[in-house]
Protein backbone atom coordinates (compact mmCIF):
# COMPACT_ATOMS: atom_id res chain seq x y z
CA MET A 1 12.52 5.96 8.91
CA GLU A 2 10.13 3.83 10.92
CA LYS A 3 8.92 0.57 9.38
CA GLN A 4 5.18 -0.09 9.23
CA PRO A 5 3.54 -3.38 10.25
CA ASN A 6 2.72 -6.06 7.68
CA SER A 7 -0.02 -8.63 7.68
CA ARG A 8 -0.01 -12.36 7.21
CA THR A 9 -2.06 -12.97 4.04
CA CYS A 10 -2.47 -9.66 2.16
CA PHE A 11 -1.43 -9.98 -1.49
CA VAL A 12 0.66 -6.81 -1.39
CA CYS A 13 2.18 -6.94 2.13
CA GLY A 14 1.44 -10.38 3.56
CA ARG A 15 4.52 -12.18 4.84
CA GLN A 16 2.94 -15.64 4.67
CA ASN A 17 1.36 -15.21 1.23
CA GLU A 18 3.43 -17.45 -1.05
CA ILE A 19 2.41 -15.60 -4.22
CA GLY A 20 2.32 -12.13 -2.65
CA LEU A 21 4.68 -9.22 -3.18
CA LYS A 22 5.74 -8.90 0.51
CA VAL A 23 6.24 -5.12 0.26
CA SER A 24 7.42 -3.19 3.33
CA TRP A 25 6.60 0.50 3.89
CA PHE A 26 8.50 3.08 5.89
CA ASN A 27 7.26 6.35 7.37
CA ASP A 28 9.21 9.37 6.14
CA TYR A 29 8.11 11.90 8.75
CA GLU A 30 10.17 14.71 7.26
CA LYS A 31 8.43 14.47 3.87
CA GLN A 32 5.12 13.29 5.39
CA GLU A 33 5.08 10.30 3.05
CA VAL A 34 5.14 6.52 3.24
CA VAL A 35 7.75 4.90 1.00
CA ALA A 36 8.42 1.37 -0.21
CA ALA A 37 10.83 -0.29 -2.59
CA VAL A 38 9.29 -2.90 -4.85
CA ASN A 39 10.61 -5.15 -7.60
CA ILE A 40 7.73 -6.88 -9.37
CA PRO A 41 8.46 -10.38 -10.72
CA GLU A 42 7.80 -11.23 -14.36
CA GLN A 43 4.99 -13.61 -13.31
CA PHE A 44 2.85 -10.49 -12.70
CA ASN A 45 3.16 -9.19 -16.25
CA SER A 46 0.52 -8.31 -18.79
CA TYR A 47 2.83 -8.15 -21.77
CA PRO A 48 6.34 -9.56 -21.34
CA GLY A 49 8.47 -7.11 -19.38
CA PHE A 50 5.58 -4.96 -18.15
CA VAL A 51 3.52 -5.17 -14.96
CA HIS A 52 -0.20 -5.94 -15.28
CA GLY A 53 -2.32 -2.86 -14.60
CA GLY A 54 -4.26 -4.64 -11.86
CA ILE A 55 -1.04 -5.30 -9.96
CA VAL A 56 -0.01 -1.64 -10.37
CA SER A 57 -3.44 -0.61 -9.06
CA ALA A 58 -3.16 -2.94 -6.05
CA ILE A 59 0.26 -1.52 -5.09
CA LEU A 60 -0.97 2.07 -5.42
CA ASP A 61 -4.16 1.31 -3.46
CA GLU A 62 -2.24 -0.27 -0.58
CA THR A 63 0.34 2.52 -0.49
CA ALA A 64 -2.21 5.33 -0.58
CA GLY A 65 -4.22 3.67 2.19
CA ARG A 66 -1.11 3.18 4.33
CA ALA A 67 -0.44 6.92 4.25
CA VAL A 68 -3.07 7.35 6.99
CA MET A 69 -0.83 5.33 9.29
CA LEU A 70 1.93 7.94 9.07
CA ASN A 71 0.86 10.08 12.03
CA SER A 72 -1.25 7.60 13.96
CA ASP A 73 -0.83 4.61 16.21
CA MET A 74 -0.06 1.93 13.61
CA ASN A 75 -1.54 -0.77 15.86
CA SER A 76 -4.82 1.06 16.41
CA LEU A 77 -7.97 0.07 14.57
CA ASP A 78 -8.39 3.77 13.74
CA CYS A 79 -5.64 3.58 11.11
CA LEU A 80 -7.13 0.55 9.33
CA MET A 81 -9.12 1.89 6.41
CA VAL A 82 -10.81 0.47 3.32
CA THR A 83 -10.97 2.05 -0.11
CA THR A 84 -14.32 3.36 -1.32
CA ARG A 85 -13.02 5.13 -4.42
CA LEU A 86 -9.82 4.64 -6.41
CA GLU A 87 -8.79 6.53 -9.54
CA VAL A 88 -5.61 5.29 -11.21
CA LYS A 89 -3.76 7.12 -13.97
CA TYR A 90 -1.40 4.95 -15.99
CA ARG A 91 1.23 7.29 -17.41
CA ARG A 92 3.62 4.79 -19.01
CA PRO A 93 4.26 1.03 -18.82
CA THR A 94 5.71 -0.14 -15.49
CA PRO A 95 8.58 -2.58 -16.03
CA THR A 96 8.86 -5.92 -14.26
CA GLN A 97 12.09 -7.03 -12.59
CA GLN A 98 13.35 -3.50 -11.96
CA PRO A 99 13.70 -1.57 -8.71
CA LEU A 100 10.75 0.76 -8.26
CA THR A 101 9.69 3.14 -5.50
CA VAL A 102 6.11 3.70 -4.42
CA VAL A 103 5.24 6.78 -2.36
CA GLY A 104 1.96 7.64 -0.62
CA ARG A 105 0.63 10.72 1.15
CA VAL A 106 -2.50 12.06 2.80
CA LEU A 107 -4.16 14.92 0.94
CA ARG A 108 -6.74 15.56 3.69
CA GLN A 109 -8.13 13.61 6.60
CA ASP A 110 -10.81 13.77 9.27
CA SER A 111 -11.80 11.28 11.97
CA GLY A 112 -13.15 8.48 9.79
CA ARG A 113 -12.21 9.31 6.21
CA ALA A 114 -9.25 10.46 4.17
CA LYS A 115 -8.33 11.52 0.66
CA VAL A 116 -4.97 9.89 -0.16
CA ALA A 117 -2.62 9.61 -3.13
CA ALA A 118 0.27 7.46 -4.34
CA GLU A 119 2.82 7.30 -7.14
CA LEU A 120 4.87 4.44 -8.58
CA ARG A 121 8.29 5.64 -9.75
CA LEU A 122 11.20 4.37 -11.82
CA PRO A 123 14.73 4.71 -10.39
CA ASP A 124 15.16 8.07 -12.18
CA GLY A 125 11.98 9.41 -10.53
CA THR A 126 9.74 9.07 -13.59
CA VAL A 127 6.16 8.34 -12.50
CA THR A 128 4.68 5.31 -14.26
CA ALA A 129 1.29 5.43 -12.51
CA SER A 130 -0.47 7.43 -9.83
CA CYS A 131 -3.71 7.34 -7.93
CA GLN A 132 -6.02 9.29 -5.71
CA ALA A 133 -8.33 7.41 -3.38
CA THR A 134 -10.91 7.88 -0.69
CA VAL A 135 -10.50 5.59 2.30
CA VAL A 136 -12.84 5.17 5.26
CA ARG A 137 -12.77 3.40 8.57
CA PRO A 138 -14.99 0.32 8.23
CA PRO A 139 -17.84 -0.35 10.69
CA GLU A 140 -16.98 -2.43 13.78
CA GLU A 141 -18.87 -5.45 12.37
CA TYR A 142 -16.23 -5.80 9.64
CA PHE A 143 -13.51 -6.39 12.20
CA LYS A 144 -15.59 -9.29 13.52
CA MET A 145 -16.10 -10.65 9.99
CA TRP A 146 -12.34 -10.46 9.41
CA ASN A 147 -11.72 -12.24 12.74
CA TRP A 148 -9.44 -9.32 13.60
CA GLU A 149 -8.85 -10.45 17.19
CA GLU A 150 -7.14 -13.59 15.89
CA GLU A 151 -5.49 -11.91 12.90
CA GLN A 152 -4.10 -8.96 14.88
CA LYS A 153 -1.22 -11.04 16.27
CA TYR A 154 0.12 -11.27 12.69
CA TRP A 155 -0.16 -7.48 12.17
CA LYS A 156 3.37 -6.54 13.17
CA VAL A 157 6.74 -5.31 12.00
CA TYR A 158 8.59 -8.27 10.50
CA ASP A 159 12.31 -8.63 10.00
CA ASP A 160 13.06 -8.76 6.28
């Protein structure tokens, strides 16, 4: 499986974010999914032993959005999307400090928009939460606001 790039400061994937999760995704071309292993520290709990719903939502959002990178040039601006709609279904509590898998896929896509989905799973495959989202390519002016020219050098595949 091919590893996807990570950013510098993103909460979910940023390699230089001291409080971030530093998740890495891989393209599973055979299944047409993106996949990541994640183990969420206790500091991100809501109740002791269980991940805060906002953290679960952030992981699902990032994973679903990354699904559009699966069959595109991962360094192209065309694969960088932002979420305009996110619907999360919490099926059961997600435990902290346990190995989890998060999987994302594209449901449908056209040139500037996609419907995507993701699931967060326990080691036995039980889904703790899932989402469906709509993601769109942001207008060019956003890349200027984000100072993308400077930030792009940090958008790369990092050694773990």
